[in-house]
Amino acid sequence: MQQISASRKKPTGIDVFWQEGGMKRRDFFSFSELIELRINVADLLDNPSLYLIDGENHRVVATD
């Protein structure tokens, strides 16, 4: 899992960004996906570095 470095609100969800293998990566999560993952959308937007992404399994989790 990689630490999310930035997030950006889109009309139907959130783009999240992270560094992996020296490259900037991006994935999109719809609002309903984030709700299912029990992710606080406002917090993800305000504090993206408090979250990790598993790009292979399309998951976001909060750090403890």
N, C-alpha and C. Protein backbone atom coordinates (compact mmCIF):
# COMPACT_ATOMS: atom_id res chain seq x y z
N MET A 1 0.85 -1.18 0.00
CA MET A 1 0.00 0.00 0.00
C MET A 1 0.89 1.24 0.00
N GLN A 2 0.41 2.23 -0.69
CA GLN A 2 1.15 3.48 -0.84
C GLN A 2 0.39 4.62 -0.17
N GLN A 3 1.13 5.60 0.33
CA GLN A 3 0.50 6.77 0.94
C GLN A 3 -0.04 7.68 -0.15
N ILE A 4 -1.27 8.13 0.01
CA ILE A 4 -1.89 9.06 -0.94
C ILE A 4 -1.26 10.43 -0.73
N SER A 5 -0.84 11.05 -1.82
CA SER A 5 -0.18 12.36 -1.71
C SER A 5 -1.11 13.52 -2.00
N ALA A 6 -2.19 13.27 -2.74
CA ALA A 6 -3.12 14.35 -3.07
C ALA A 6 -4.46 13.74 -3.47
N SER A 7 -5.49 14.57 -3.38
CA SER A 7 -6.82 14.14 -3.82
C SER A 7 -7.52 15.34 -4.44
N ARG A 8 -8.43 15.05 -5.37
CA ARG A 8 -9.14 16.13 -6.06
C ARG A 8 -10.58 15.71 -6.28
N LYS A 9 -11.50 16.60 -5.92
CA LYS A 9 -12.93 16.31 -6.07
C LYS A 9 -13.34 16.45 -7.53
N LYS A 10 -14.12 15.49 -7.98
CA LYS A 10 -14.72 15.49 -9.31
C LYS A 10 -16.24 15.47 -9.12
N PRO A 11 -17.02 15.71 -10.14
CA PRO A 11 -18.48 15.72 -9.97
C PRO A 11 -19.07 14.42 -9.41
N THR A 12 -18.47 13.28 -9.70
CA THR A 12 -19.05 12.01 -9.26
C THR A 12 -18.16 11.23 -8.30
N GLY A 13 -17.05 11.84 -7.85
CA GLY A 13 -16.16 11.12 -6.94
C GLY A 13 -14.87 11.86 -6.69
N ILE A 14 -13.83 11.10 -6.37
CA ILE A 14 -12.54 11.67 -5.98
C ILE A 14 -11.42 11.00 -6.77
N ASP A 15 -10.52 11.82 -7.34
CA ASP A 15 -9.27 11.31 -7.90
C ASP A 15 -8.25 11.30 -6.76
N VAL A 16 -7.52 10.22 -6.61
CA VAL A 16 -6.44 10.17 -5.62
C VAL A 16 -5.12 9.95 -6.36
N PHE A 17 -4.06 10.53 -5.81
CA PHE A 17 -2.75 10.49 -6.43
C PHE A 17 -1.73 9.97 -5.43
N TRP A 18 -0.75 9.21 -5.94
CA TRP A 18 0.33 8.69 -5.11
C TRP A 18 1.55 8.43 -5.99
N GLN A 19 2.70 8.26 -5.35
CA GLN A 19 3.94 7.93 -6.04
C GLN A 19 4.18 6.43 -5.93
N GLU A 20 4.55 5.82 -7.03
CA GLU A 20 4.86 4.39 -7.02
C GLU A 20 5.91 4.13 -8.10
N GLY A 21 7.04 3.56 -7.68
CA GLY A 21 8.10 3.26 -8.64
C GLY A 21 8.62 4.49 -9.35
N GLY A 22 8.66 5.62 -8.65
CA GLY A 22 9.15 6.87 -9.23
C GLY A 22 8.18 7.54 -10.19
N MET A 23 6.96 7.01 -10.28
CA MET A 23 5.97 7.60 -11.17
C MET A 23 4.75 8.06 -10.37
N LYS A 24 4.16 9.16 -10.82
CA LYS A 24 2.92 9.63 -10.21
C LYS A 24 1.77 8.81 -10.77
N ARG A 25 0.97 8.25 -9.89
CA ARG A 25 -0.16 7.39 -10.28
C ARG A 25 -1.47 8.05 -9.84
N ARG A 26 -2.57 7.65 -10.51
CA ARG A 26 -3.89 8.21 -10.20
C ARG A 26 -4.93 7.10 -10.30
N ASP A 27 -5.94 7.20 -9.44
CA ASP A 27 -7.09 6.30 -9.51
C ASP A 27 -8.32 7.10 -9.12
N PHE A 28 -9.46 6.71 -9.63
CA PHE A 28 -10.72 7.39 -9.35
C PHE A 28 -11.60 6.48 -8.50
N PHE A 29 -12.22 7.09 -7.49
CA PHE A 29 -13.19 6.38 -6.64
C PHE A 29 -14.49 7.18 -6.64
N SER A 30 -15.59 6.50 -6.95
CA SER A 30 -16.89 7.17 -6.89
C SER A 30 -17.25 7.40 -5.42
N PHE A 31 -18.17 8.31 -5.19
CA PHE A 31 -18.61 8.57 -3.82
C PHE A 31 -19.20 7.31 -3.20
N SER A 32 -19.96 6.54 -3.98
CA SER A 32 -20.55 5.32 -3.42
C SER A 32 -19.47 4.29 -3.06
N GLU A 33 -18.40 4.19 -3.84
CA GLU A 33 -17.30 3.28 -3.50
C GLU A 33 -16.66 3.70 -2.18
N LEU A 34 -16.43 5.00 -2.01
CA LEU A 34 -15.80 5.48 -0.78
C LEU A 34 -16.69 5.25 0.43
N ILE A 35 -17.99 5.41 0.26
CA ILE A 35 -18.93 5.14 1.36
C ILE A 35 -18.89 3.66 1.73
N GLU A 36 -18.85 2.79 0.73
CA GLU A 36 -18.75 1.34 0.99
C GLU A 36 -17.46 0.99 1.72
N LEU A 37 -16.38 1.72 1.41
CA LEU A 37 -15.09 1.49 2.07
C LEU A 37 -15.00 2.19 3.43
N ARG A 38 -16.08 2.88 3.80
CA ARG A 38 -16.15 3.64 5.06
C ARG A 38 -15.08 4.73 5.15
N ILE A 39 -14.89 5.43 4.04
CA ILE A 39 -13.93 6.53 3.96
C ILE A 39 -14.68 7.85 4.08
N ASN A 40 -14.21 8.71 4.95
CA ASN A 40 -14.78 10.05 5.11
C ASN A 40 -14.27 10.90 3.95
N VAL A 41 -15.16 11.23 3.02
CA VAL A 41 -14.78 11.94 1.81
C VAL A 41 -14.16 13.30 2.12
N ALA A 42 -14.77 14.05 3.02
CA ALA A 42 -14.24 15.38 3.37
C ALA A 42 -12.83 15.27 3.95
N ASP A 43 -12.60 14.26 4.79
CA ASP A 43 -11.28 14.08 5.37
C ASP A 43 -10.27 13.65 4.31
N LEU A 44 -10.68 12.80 3.39
CA LEU A 44 -9.79 12.38 2.30
C LEU A 44 -9.37 13.59 1.47
N LEU A 45 -10.28 14.52 1.26
CA LEU A 45 -9.95 15.73 0.50
C LEU A 45 -9.05 16.67 1.31
N ASP A 46 -9.32 16.82 2.59
CA ASP A 46 -8.56 17.74 3.44
C ASP A 46 -7.22 17.17 3.90
N ASN A 47 -7.15 15.86 4.11
CA ASN A 47 -5.96 15.22 4.68
C ASN A 47 -5.60 13.94 3.93
N PRO A 48 -5.29 14.04 2.65
CA PRO A 48 -5.04 12.82 1.86
C PRO A 48 -3.87 11.98 2.38
N SER A 49 -2.90 12.61 3.02
CA SER A 49 -1.73 11.85 3.50
C SER A 49 -2.06 10.92 4.66
N LEU A 50 -3.27 11.02 5.20
CA LEU A 50 -3.69 10.12 6.28
C LEU A 50 -4.30 8.83 5.74
N TYR A 51 -4.23 8.65 4.42
CA TYR A 51 -4.84 7.47 3.78
C TYR A 51 -3.82 6.73 2.92
N LEU A 52 -4.05 5.43 2.79
CA LEU A 52 -3.22 4.57 1.96
C LEU A 52 -4.08 4.02 0.83
N ILE A 53 -3.43 3.73 -0.30
CA ILE A 53 -4.15 3.13 -1.42
C ILE A 53 -3.51 1.79 -1.78
N ASP A 54 -4.35 0.85 -2.08
CA ASP A 54 -3.95 -0.42 -2.63
C ASP A 54 -4.43 -0.40 -4.08
N GLY A 55 -3.57 0.04 -4.97
CA GLY A 55 -3.94 0.22 -6.37
C GLY A 55 -4.34 -1.06 -7.07
N GLU A 56 -3.70 -2.17 -6.71
CA GLU A 56 -4.02 -3.45 -7.36
C GLU A 56 -5.42 -3.92 -7.03
N ASN A 57 -5.88 -3.65 -5.80
CA ASN A 57 -7.20 -4.10 -5.37
C ASN A 57 -8.24 -2.99 -5.31
N HIS A 58 -7.86 -1.78 -5.79
CA HIS A 58 -8.77 -0.63 -5.83
C HIS A 58 -9.41 -0.40 -4.46
N ARG A 59 -8.54 -0.14 -3.46
CA ARG A 59 -9.01 0.10 -2.09
C ARG A 59 -8.27 1.29 -1.49
N VAL A 60 -8.98 2.03 -0.66
CA VAL A 60 -8.39 3.10 0.15
C VAL A 60 -8.66 2.75 1.59
N VAL A 61 -7.66 2.95 2.45
CA VAL A 61 -7.84 2.73 3.88
C VAL A 61 -7.20 3.88 4.65
N ALA A 62 -7.77 4.17 5.83
CA ALA A 62 -7.20 5.19 6.69
C ALA A 62 -6.02 4.61 7.45
N THR A 63 -5.00 5.43 7.67
CA THR A 63 -3.88 4.99 8.49
C THR A 63 -4.32 5.05 9.94
N ASP A 64 -3.71 4.23 10.77
CA ASP A 64 -4.10 4.20 12.19
C ASP A 64 -3.40 5.24 13.00
